[in-house]
Amino acid sequence: MTDAQKDYEVRRQRLASLDDEDLYDDAPKRAPERTGTNWGLLIGILVAFVAIAFIVFDGLEAETYFFSVDQAVEKGEGIYGKHVRVKGVVETGTIDGTAGELGHRFKISEQGVSMSVVYAKALPDTFQEGVEVVAHGRLDDQGTLHADEILVKCPSRYEGQPPTALDPQASL
């Protein structure tokens, strides 16, 4: 028998005489089962709760109210400094500023009540006197709306005809 065969036989006999526990003696031991408070889980739950509370309270502060001009003026000081959306019609002769440039001042009205609007950006292309707009911004203590955004209601020329008014032969 060669030396390699003898060495193999010795190792085989030694392995055969070992118990299963001895075979795996160098294997990593299981961590003992934990008992008591799992602090990592509690801290994770606490962090999640704080994050959710922050999102909820931050959302409440960013609340935006929607009014028509007459409703906003009626609310008065109660909405000063708050974010609002105000709907009204642009009054004739009140637009101050050049089209296509920054910085405009105008008035919107509803039900005979008007409000001044200041807008530092360029107005939409469809903005003109007599159109209905929604201005989004903050009201100062003078009742002037400092708008961040102006939305113009699409004029009726963009609306299609009702389906009953269409010519049935036109689709042929």
N, C-alpha and C. Protein backbone atom coordinates (compact mmCIF):
# COMPACT_ATOMS: atom_id res chain seq x y z
N MET A 1 0.83 -1.15 0.00
CA MET A 1 0.00 0.00 0.00
C MET A 1 0.90 1.25 0.00
N THR A 2 0.49 2.21 -0.77
CA THR A 2 1.28 3.43 -0.85
C THR A 2 0.97 4.33 0.34
N ASP A 3 1.79 5.36 0.52
CA ASP A 3 1.59 6.30 1.64
C ASP A 3 0.26 7.04 1.51
N ALA A 4 -0.11 7.40 0.32
CA ALA A 4 -1.37 8.11 0.11
C ALA A 4 -2.54 7.22 0.45
N GLN A 5 -2.46 5.92 0.11
CA GLN A 5 -3.54 5.00 0.43
C GLN A 5 -3.63 4.78 1.93
N LYS A 6 -2.50 4.70 2.61
CA LYS A 6 -2.49 4.52 4.06
C LYS A 6 -3.11 5.74 4.74
N ASP A 7 -2.71 6.91 4.27
CA ASP A 7 -3.24 8.15 4.83
C ASP A 7 -4.76 8.22 4.66
N TYR A 8 -5.22 7.83 3.49
CA TYR A 8 -6.66 7.81 3.21
C TYR A 8 -7.37 6.85 4.15
N GLU A 9 -6.83 5.69 4.37
CA GLU A 9 -7.46 4.67 5.22
C GLU A 9 -7.52 5.14 6.66
N VAL A 10 -6.48 5.79 7.13
CA VAL A 10 -6.47 6.30 8.50
C VAL A 10 -7.57 7.35 8.68
N ARG A 11 -7.67 8.26 7.72
CA ARG A 11 -8.71 9.30 7.83
C ARG A 11 -10.11 8.71 7.75
N ARG A 12 -10.29 7.70 6.93
CA ARG A 12 -11.61 7.07 6.80
C ARG A 12 -12.01 6.40 8.09
N GLN A 13 -11.08 5.72 8.77
CA GLN A 13 -11.37 5.04 10.03
C GLN A 13 -11.67 6.06 11.13
N ARG A 14 -10.91 7.17 11.12
CA ARG A 14 -11.14 8.19 12.14
C ARG A 14 -12.52 8.81 11.97
N LEU A 15 -12.91 9.07 10.72
CA LEU A 15 -14.24 9.64 10.46
C LEU A 15 -15.34 8.66 10.85
N ALA A 16 -15.16 7.41 10.63
CA ALA A 16 -16.17 6.41 10.95
C ALA A 16 -16.37 6.32 12.45
N SER A 17 -15.37 6.61 13.25
CA SER A 17 -15.49 6.48 14.70
C SER A 17 -16.07 7.74 15.36
N LEU A 18 -16.18 8.83 14.61
CA LEU A 18 -16.70 10.07 15.20
C LEU A 18 -18.22 10.10 15.20
N ASP A 19 -18.79 10.75 16.20
CA ASP A 19 -20.25 10.98 16.24
C ASP A 19 -20.58 12.15 15.31
N ASP A 20 -21.87 12.30 15.05
CA ASP A 20 -22.33 13.42 14.22
C ASP A 20 -21.94 14.76 14.84
N GLU A 21 -22.04 14.87 16.17
CA GLU A 21 -21.71 16.13 16.83
C GLU A 21 -20.24 16.46 16.68
N ASP A 22 -19.38 15.42 16.74
CA ASP A 22 -17.95 15.66 16.59
C ASP A 22 -17.61 16.10 15.17
N LEU A 23 -18.37 15.59 14.19
CA LEU A 23 -18.10 15.94 12.80
C LEU A 23 -18.31 17.44 12.56
N TYR A 24 -19.31 17.98 13.20
CA TYR A 24 -19.67 19.37 12.97
C TYR A 24 -19.23 20.27 14.11
N ASP A 25 -18.22 19.87 14.83
CA ASP A 25 -17.75 20.62 15.98
C ASP A 25 -17.24 22.00 15.60
N ASP A 26 -16.68 22.14 14.41
CA ASP A 26 -16.15 23.44 14.00
C ASP A 26 -17.20 24.30 13.29
N ALA A 27 -18.42 23.78 13.14
CA ALA A 27 -19.49 24.54 12.51
C ALA A 27 -19.91 25.67 13.45
N PRO A 28 -20.39 26.79 12.88
CA PRO A 28 -20.81 27.91 13.73
C PRO A 28 -21.98 27.50 14.62
N LYS A 29 -21.95 27.97 15.83
CA LYS A 29 -23.01 27.65 16.79
C LYS A 29 -24.19 28.56 16.55
N ARG A 30 -25.37 28.08 16.86
CA ARG A 30 -26.57 28.89 16.76
C ARG A 30 -26.57 29.92 17.88
N ALA A 31 -27.07 31.09 17.54
CA ALA A 31 -27.18 32.12 18.57
C ALA A 31 -28.26 31.69 19.55
N PRO A 32 -28.07 31.96 20.80
CA PRO A 32 -29.10 31.58 21.76
C PRO A 32 -30.38 32.37 21.48
N GLU A 33 -31.51 31.74 21.71
CA GLU A 33 -32.78 32.42 21.48
C GLU A 33 -32.91 33.59 22.42
N ARG A 34 -33.39 34.72 21.85
CA ARG A 34 -33.50 35.95 22.63
C ARG A 34 -34.78 35.95 23.44
N THR A 35 -34.66 36.49 24.57
CA THR A 35 -35.83 36.72 25.41
C THR A 35 -35.76 38.16 25.86
N GLY A 36 -36.89 38.79 26.04
CA GLY A 36 -36.90 40.17 26.48
C GLY A 36 -37.32 41.11 25.36
N THR A 37 -36.99 42.38 25.53
CA THR A 37 -37.42 43.44 24.62
C THR A 37 -36.53 43.49 23.38
N ASN A 38 -37.17 43.60 22.24
CA ASN A 38 -36.45 43.77 20.98
C ASN A 38 -36.38 45.27 20.70
N TRP A 39 -35.29 45.90 21.12
CA TRP A 39 -35.15 47.34 21.03
C TRP A 39 -35.10 47.82 19.59
N GLY A 40 -34.53 47.05 18.70
CA GLY A 40 -34.46 47.46 17.29
C GLY A 40 -35.85 47.61 16.69
N LEU A 41 -36.73 46.67 17.01
CA LEU A 41 -38.09 46.73 16.50
C LEU A 41 -38.83 47.92 17.08
N LEU A 42 -38.67 48.17 18.37
CA LEU A 42 -39.35 49.31 18.99
C LEU A 42 -38.87 50.63 18.42
N ILE A 43 -37.57 50.76 18.20
CA ILE A 43 -37.04 52.00 17.63
C ILE A 43 -37.55 52.17 16.20
N GLY A 44 -37.61 51.09 15.42
CA GLY A 44 -38.13 51.16 14.06
C GLY A 44 -39.58 51.61 14.02
N ILE A 45 -40.40 51.09 14.92
CA ILE A 45 -41.81 51.48 14.99
C ILE A 45 -41.93 52.95 15.39
N LEU A 46 -41.12 53.38 16.35
CA LEU A 46 -41.15 54.77 16.78
C LEU A 46 -40.75 55.72 15.65
N VAL A 47 -39.72 55.38 14.89
CA VAL A 47 -39.29 56.21 13.76
C VAL A 47 -40.40 56.27 12.70
N ALA A 48 -41.03 55.15 12.42
CA ALA A 48 -42.12 55.13 11.43
C ALA A 48 -43.29 56.01 11.91
N PHE A 49 -43.63 55.94 13.18
CA PHE A 49 -44.72 56.74 13.73
C PHE A 49 -44.41 58.24 13.62
N VAL A 50 -43.18 58.63 13.95
CA VAL A 50 -42.78 60.04 13.87
C VAL A 50 -42.83 60.51 12.41
N ALA A 51 -42.38 59.69 11.48
CA ALA A 51 -42.39 60.06 10.06
C ALA A 51 -43.83 60.25 9.56
N ILE A 52 -44.72 59.37 9.93
CA ILE A 52 -46.13 59.48 9.52
C ILE A 52 -46.76 60.73 10.12
N ALA A 53 -46.49 60.99 11.39
CA ALA A 53 -47.03 62.19 12.05
C ALA A 53 -46.53 63.45 11.35
N PHE A 54 -45.25 63.47 10.98
CA PHE A 54 -44.69 64.64 10.28
C PHE A 54 -45.40 64.86 8.95
N ILE A 55 -45.60 63.80 8.19
CA ILE A 55 -46.26 63.92 6.89
C ILE A 55 -47.69 64.45 7.05
N VAL A 56 -48.41 63.95 8.05
CA VAL A 56 -49.79 64.38 8.27
C VAL A 56 -49.84 65.86 8.65
N PHE A 57 -49.03 66.27 9.62
CA PHE A 57 -49.06 67.66 10.07
C PHE A 57 -48.52 68.62 9.01
N ASP A 58 -47.54 68.19 8.24
CA ASP A 58 -47.03 69.01 7.16
C ASP A 58 -48.11 69.20 6.09
N GLY A 59 -48.86 68.16 5.82
CA GLY A 59 -49.95 68.24 4.85
C GLY A 59 -51.06 69.17 5.30
N LEU A 60 -51.32 69.20 6.61
CA LEU A 60 -52.35 70.10 7.11
C LEU A 60 -51.94 71.55 6.97
N GLU A 61 -50.66 71.84 7.16
CA GLU A 61 -50.18 73.21 7.01
C GLU A 61 -50.24 73.66 5.55
N ALA A 62 -50.06 72.75 4.62
CA ALA A 62 -50.03 73.09 3.21
C ALA A 62 -51.42 73.07 2.59
N GLU A 63 -52.43 73.02 3.40
CA GLU A 63 -53.80 72.95 2.90
C GLU A 63 -54.14 74.20 2.09
N THR A 64 -54.78 74.01 0.96
CA THR A 64 -55.17 75.11 0.10
C THR A 64 -56.68 75.18 0.04
N TYR A 65 -57.21 76.39 0.24
CA TYR A 65 -58.65 76.60 0.20
C TYR A 65 -59.05 77.14 -1.17
N PHE A 66 -60.24 76.80 -1.64
CA PHE A 66 -60.73 77.25 -2.94
C PHE A 66 -61.97 78.12 -2.72
N PHE A 67 -61.92 79.34 -3.27
CA PHE A 67 -63.03 80.28 -3.12
C PHE A 67 -63.29 80.98 -4.44
N SER A 68 -64.49 81.51 -4.57
CA SER A 68 -64.74 82.49 -5.62
C SER A 68 -64.35 83.83 -5.00
N VAL A 69 -64.19 84.88 -5.80
CA VAL A 69 -63.72 86.17 -5.28
C VAL A 69 -64.62 86.66 -4.16
N ASP A 70 -65.93 86.62 -4.35
CA ASP A 70 -66.84 87.13 -3.32
C ASP A 70 -66.72 86.34 -2.01
N GLN A 71 -66.51 85.03 -2.10
CA GLN A 71 -66.34 84.22 -0.88
C GLN A 71 -65.03 84.57 -0.18
N ALA A 72 -63.96 84.77 -0.95
CA ALA A 72 -62.65 85.10 -0.36
C ALA A 72 -62.70 86.45 0.34
N VAL A 73 -63.33 87.44 -0.29
CA VAL A 73 -63.42 88.76 0.33
C VAL A 73 -64.27 88.69 1.58
N GLU A 74 -65.32 87.88 1.55
CA GLU A 74 -66.20 87.71 2.71
C GLU A 74 -65.43 87.10 3.90
N LYS A 75 -64.54 86.14 3.62
CA LYS A 75 -63.74 85.51 4.69
C LYS A 75 -62.79 86.50 5.33
N GLY A 76 -62.30 87.45 4.52
CA GLY A 76 -61.46 88.52 5.03
C GLY A 76 -60.21 88.05 5.74
N GLU A 77 -59.96 88.60 6.93
CA GLU A 77 -58.74 88.34 7.69
C GLU A 77 -58.55 86.87 8.03
N GLY A 78 -59.60 86.10 8.03
CA GLY A 78 -59.51 84.68 8.37
C GLY A 78 -58.64 83.87 7.43
N ILE A 79 -58.45 84.38 6.20
CA ILE A 79 -57.62 83.63 5.24
C ILE A 79 -56.37 84.39 4.84
N TYR A 80 -56.10 85.54 5.47
CA TYR A 80 -54.88 86.29 5.16
C TYR A 80 -53.67 85.44 5.53
N GLY A 81 -52.70 85.40 4.63
CA GLY A 81 -51.47 84.64 4.87
C GLY A 81 -51.57 83.17 4.51
N LYS A 82 -52.76 82.72 4.11
CA LYS A 82 -52.95 81.30 3.77
C LYS A 82 -52.91 81.11 2.27
N HIS A 83 -52.57 79.87 1.87
CA HIS A 83 -52.62 79.51 0.45
C HIS A 83 -54.07 79.34 0.04
N VAL A 84 -54.46 80.03 -1.02
CA VAL A 84 -55.83 79.94 -1.52
C VAL A 84 -55.82 79.85 -3.04
N ARG A 85 -56.91 79.34 -3.55
CA ARG A 85 -57.20 79.38 -4.99
C ARG A 85 -58.47 80.20 -5.11
N VAL A 86 -58.39 81.24 -5.93
CA VAL A 86 -59.54 82.14 -6.08
C VAL A 86 -59.95 82.17 -7.54
N LYS A 87 -61.26 81.95 -7.76
CA LYS A 87 -61.81 81.94 -9.12
C LYS A 87 -62.56 83.24 -9.36
N GLY A 88 -62.30 83.82 -10.53
CA GLY A 88 -63.01 85.04 -10.89
C GLY A 88 -62.77 85.37 -12.36
N VAL A 89 -63.43 86.43 -12.81
CA VAL A 89 -63.32 86.88 -14.19
C VAL A 89 -62.41 88.11 -14.20
N VAL A 90 -61.46 88.15 -15.15
CA VAL A 90 -60.54 89.27 -15.26
C VAL A 90 -61.34 90.52 -15.67
N GLU A 91 -61.22 91.57 -14.85
CA GLU A 91 -61.97 92.81 -15.12
C GLU A 91 -61.37 93.57 -16.30
N THR A 92 -62.22 94.16 -17.09
CA THR A 92 -61.80 94.95 -18.25
C THR A 92 -61.06 96.20 -17.79
N GLY A 93 -59.92 96.48 -18.43
CA GLY A 93 -59.16 97.69 -18.16
C GLY A 93 -58.30 97.65 -16.92
N THR A 94 -58.16 96.49 -16.28
CA THR A 94 -57.38 96.43 -15.04
C THR A 94 -56.02 95.76 -15.20
N ILE A 95 -55.72 95.25 -16.39
CA ILE A 95 -54.45 94.54 -16.58
C ILE A 95 -53.32 95.55 -16.70
N ASP A 96 -52.35 95.44 -15.79
CA ASP A 96 -51.19 96.32 -15.79
C ASP A 96 -49.95 95.47 -16.04
N GLY A 97 -49.32 95.66 -17.16
CA GLY A 97 -48.15 94.87 -17.54
C GLY A 97 -48.20 94.58 -19.02
N THR A 98 -47.06 94.21 -19.58
CA THR A 98 -46.98 93.96 -21.01
C THR A 98 -47.03 92.46 -21.28
N ALA A 99 -47.80 92.06 -22.28
CA ALA A 99 -47.92 90.65 -22.63
C ALA A 99 -46.55 90.07 -22.98
N GLY A 100 -46.29 88.87 -22.51
CA GLY A 100 -45.04 88.19 -22.80
C GLY A 100 -43.91 88.57 -21.86
N GLU A 101 -44.13 89.52 -20.97
CA GLU A 101 -43.12 89.94 -20.01
C GLU A 101 -43.51 89.50 -18.60
N LEU A 102 -42.58 89.64 -17.70
CA LEU A 102 -42.82 89.25 -16.31
C LEU A 102 -43.44 90.41 -15.54
N GLY A 103 -44.21 90.06 -14.52
CA GLY A 103 -44.79 91.05 -13.63
C GLY A 103 -46.08 91.66 -14.15
N HIS A 104 -47.18 91.26 -13.55
CA HIS A 104 -48.49 91.78 -13.94
C HIS A 104 -49.33 92.04 -12.70
N ARG A 105 -50.24 92.96 -12.85
CA ARG A 105 -51.21 93.29 -11.81
C ARG A 105 -52.55 93.41 -12.51
N PHE A 106 -53.58 92.83 -11.94
CA PHE A 106 -54.91 92.91 -12.52
C PHE A 106 -55.93 92.63 -11.43
N LYS A 107 -57.20 92.79 -11.78
CA LYS A 107 -58.28 92.51 -10.83
C LYS A 107 -59.17 91.41 -11.40
N ILE A 108 -59.66 90.59 -10.49
CA ILE A 108 -60.66 89.59 -10.86
C ILE A 108 -61.90 89.86 -10.03
N SER A 109 -63.05 89.50 -10.58
CA SER A 109 -64.30 89.77 -9.86
C SER A 109 -65.28 88.61 -10.02
N GLU A 110 -66.21 88.59 -9.09
CA GLU A 110 -67.28 87.58 -9.09
C GLU A 110 -68.41 88.16 -8.26
N GLN A 111 -69.61 88.12 -8.75
CA GLN A 111 -70.80 88.60 -8.04
C GLN A 111 -70.64 90.07 -7.62
N GLY A 112 -69.98 90.89 -8.46
CA GLY A 112 -69.83 92.31 -8.19
C GLY A 112 -68.74 92.66 -7.18
N VAL A 113 -67.99 91.69 -6.71
CA VAL A 113 -66.90 91.92 -5.75
C VAL A 113 -65.59 91.66 -6.47
N SER A 114 -64.60 92.55 -6.25
CA SER A 114 -63.32 92.37 -6.96
C SER A 114 -62.16 92.22 -5.98
N MET A 115 -61.05 91.70 -6.53
CA MET A 115 -59.83 91.46 -5.75
C MET A 115 -58.63 91.74 -6.65
N SER A 116 -57.60 92.36 -6.10
CA SER A 116 -56.37 92.60 -6.85
C SER A 116 -55.50 91.36 -6.83
N VAL A 117 -54.83 91.11 -7.95
CA VAL A 117 -53.93 89.97 -8.08
C VAL A 117 -52.59 90.49 -8.59
N VAL A 118 -51.51 90.04 -7.97
CA VAL A 118 -50.16 90.34 -8.41
C VAL A 118 -49.53 89.03 -8.85
N TYR A 119 -48.96 89.04 -10.06
CA TYR A 119 -48.36 87.82 -10.61
C TYR A 119 -47.01 88.17 -11.21
N ALA A 120 -45.94 87.57 -10.70
CA ALA A 120 -44.57 87.94 -11.10
C ALA A 120 -44.09 87.21 -12.35
N LYS A 121 -44.80 86.22 -12.80
CA LYS A 121 -44.36 85.42 -13.95
C LYS A 121 -45.09 85.88 -15.22
N ALA A 122 -44.77 85.26 -16.34
CA ALA A 122 -45.46 85.55 -17.60
C ALA A 122 -46.84 84.89 -17.57
N LEU A 123 -47.83 85.62 -18.05
CA LEU A 123 -49.20 85.11 -18.07
C LEU A 123 -49.39 84.10 -19.20
N PRO A 124 -50.36 83.18 -19.05
CA PRO A 124 -50.65 82.22 -20.12
C PRO A 124 -51.09 82.95 -21.40
N ASP A 125 -50.89 82.32 -22.54
CA ASP A 125 -51.25 82.93 -23.83
C ASP A 125 -52.73 83.26 -23.94
N THR A 126 -53.57 82.46 -23.32
CA THR A 126 -55.02 82.65 -23.44
C THR A 126 -55.56 83.67 -22.42
N PHE A 127 -54.70 84.26 -21.61
CA PHE A 127 -55.12 85.24 -20.61
C PHE A 127 -55.53 86.53 -21.31
N GLN A 128 -56.70 87.03 -20.97
CA GLN A 128 -57.19 88.29 -21.53
C GLN A 128 -58.34 88.79 -20.66
N GLU A 129 -58.78 90.00 -20.93
CA GLU A 129 -59.89 90.58 -20.19
C GLU A 129 -61.16 89.76 -20.44
N GLY A 130 -61.95 89.59 -19.41
CA GLY A 130 -63.23 88.91 -19.55
C GLY A 130 -63.18 87.40 -19.47
N VAL A 131 -61.99 86.80 -19.32
CA VAL A 131 -61.92 85.34 -19.21
C VAL A 131 -61.92 84.93 -17.74
N GLU A 132 -62.39 83.74 -17.50
CA GLU A 132 -62.42 83.21 -16.14
C GLU A 132 -61.06 82.60 -15.82
N VAL A 133 -60.51 82.95 -14.66
CA VAL A 133 -59.21 82.44 -14.24
C VAL A 133 -59.30 81.90 -12.81
N VAL A 134 -58.34 81.06 -12.49
CA VAL A 134 -58.14 80.62 -11.11
C VAL A 134 -56.72 81.03 -10.75
N ALA A 135 -56.60 81.86 -9.71
CA ALA A 135 -55.30 82.32 -9.24
C ALA A 135 -54.97 81.59 -7.95
N HIS A 136 -53.76 81.03 -7.87
CA HIS A 136 -53.32 80.27 -6.71
C HIS A 136 -52.16 80.99 -6.06
N GLY A 137 -52.28 81.32 -4.78
CA GLY A 137 -51.21 82.01 -4.08
C GLY A 137 -51.60 82.34 -2.65
N ARG A 138 -50.94 83.36 -2.08
CA ARG A 138 -51.20 83.79 -0.70
C ARG A 138 -51.84 85.17 -0.70
N LEU A 139 -52.76 85.36 0.24
CA LEU A 139 -53.38 86.66 0.42
C LEU A 139 -52.59 87.46 1.44
N ASP A 140 -52.28 88.72 1.11
CA ASP A 140 -51.62 89.56 2.11
C ASP A 140 -52.67 90.23 2.99
N ASP A 141 -52.23 91.02 3.95
CA ASP A 141 -53.18 91.62 4.90
C ASP A 141 -53.99 92.76 4.29
N GLN A 142 -53.71 93.12 3.03
CA GLN A 142 -54.50 94.12 2.31
C GLN A 142 -55.57 93.46 1.44
N GLY A 143 -55.59 92.13 1.40
CA GLY A 143 -56.54 91.42 0.56
C GLY A 143 -56.08 91.23 -0.87
N THR A 144 -54.79 91.49 -1.15
CA THR A 144 -54.24 91.30 -2.48
C THR A 144 -53.68 89.89 -2.58
N LEU A 145 -54.02 89.22 -3.65
CA LEU A 145 -53.53 87.86 -3.87
C LEU A 145 -52.21 87.90 -4.62
N HIS A 146 -51.16 87.38 -4.00
CA HIS A 146 -49.84 87.25 -4.64
C HIS A 146 -49.78 85.84 -5.22
N ALA A 147 -50.06 85.75 -6.51
CA ALA A 147 -50.26 84.45 -7.16
C ALA A 147 -48.94 83.79 -7.55
N ASP A 148 -48.90 82.47 -7.37
CA ASP A 148 -47.79 81.63 -7.82
C ASP A 148 -48.15 80.97 -9.16
N GLU A 149 -49.46 80.91 -9.42
CA GLU A 149 -49.94 80.20 -10.61
C GLU A 149 -51.25 80.83 -11.06
N ILE A 150 -51.41 80.97 -12.37
CA ILE A 150 -52.66 81.46 -12.96
C ILE A 150 -53.13 80.41 -13.96
N LEU A 151 -54.35 79.95 -13.78
CA LEU A 151 -54.96 78.99 -14.70
C LEU A 151 -56.10 79.69 -15.42
N VAL A 152 -56.13 79.56 -16.74
CA VAL A 152 -57.17 80.20 -17.54
C VAL A 152 -58.15 79.14 -18.00
N LYS A 153 -59.43 79.42 -17.80
CA LYS A 153 -60.45 78.49 -18.30
C LYS A 153 -60.44 78.56 -19.82
N CYS A 154 -60.47 77.39 -20.44
CA CYS A 154 -60.45 77.35 -21.91
C CYS A 154 -61.68 78.03 -22.48
N PRO A 155 -61.49 78.91 -23.44
CA PRO A 155 -62.65 79.55 -24.07
C PRO A 155 -63.49 78.53 -24.83
N SER A 156 -64.72 78.91 -25.10
CA SER A 156 -65.65 77.99 -25.76
C SER A 156 -65.19 77.62 -27.16
N ARG A 157 -64.30 78.40 -27.77
CA ARG A 157 -63.87 78.05 -29.13
C ARG A 157 -63.09 76.74 -29.16
N TYR A 158 -62.58 76.31 -27.98
CA TYR A 158 -61.86 75.05 -27.92
C TYR A 158 -62.78 73.86 -27.68
N GLU A 159 -64.00 74.15 -27.32
CA GLU A 159 -64.94 73.07 -27.04
C GLU A 159 -65.58 72.60 -28.34
N GLY A 160 -65.77 71.30 -28.45
CA GLY A 160 -66.40 70.74 -29.65
C GLY A 160 -67.90 70.90 -29.62
N GLN A 161 -68.52 70.63 -30.74
CA GLN A 161 -69.97 70.68 -30.80
C GLN A 161 -70.53 69.46 -30.08
N PRO A 162 -71.74 69.61 -29.58
CA PRO A 162 -72.37 68.44 -28.96
C PRO A 162 -72.57 67.35 -30.01
N PRO A 163 -72.55 66.09 -29.61
CA PRO A 163 -72.67 64.98 -30.58
C PRO A 163 -73.93 65.05 -31.42
N THR A 164 -75.04 65.60 -30.91
CA THR A 164 -76.28 65.64 -31.68
C THR A 164 -76.21 66.67 -32.80
N ALA A 165 -75.30 67.64 -32.71
CA ALA A 165 -75.21 68.68 -33.73
C ALA A 165 -74.27 68.29 -34.87
N LEU A 166 -73.60 67.18 -34.77
CA LEU A 166 -72.67 66.76 -35.82
C LEU A 166 -73.44 66.25 -37.02
N ASP A 167 -72.88 66.47 -38.19
CA ASP A 167 -73.47 66.00 -39.41
C ASP A 167 -73.16 64.51 -39.57
N PRO A 168 -74.16 63.64 -39.62
CA PRO A 168 -73.90 62.19 -39.72
C PRO A 168 -73.16 61.83 -41.01
N GLN A 169 -73.27 62.64 -42.05
CA GLN A 169 -72.61 62.34 -43.31
C GLN A 169 -71.12 62.72 -43.29
N ALA A 170 -70.73 63.54 -42.32
CA ALA A 170 -69.35 64.03 -42.28
C ALA A 170 -68.36 62.93 -41.99
N SER A 171 -68.75 61.89 -41.28
CA SER A 171 -67.82 60.81 -40.94
C SER A 171 -67.67 59.78 -42.05
N LEU A 172 -68.47 59.89 -43.11
CA LEU A 172 -68.40 58.92 -44.20
C LEU A 172 -67.31 59.19 -45.15
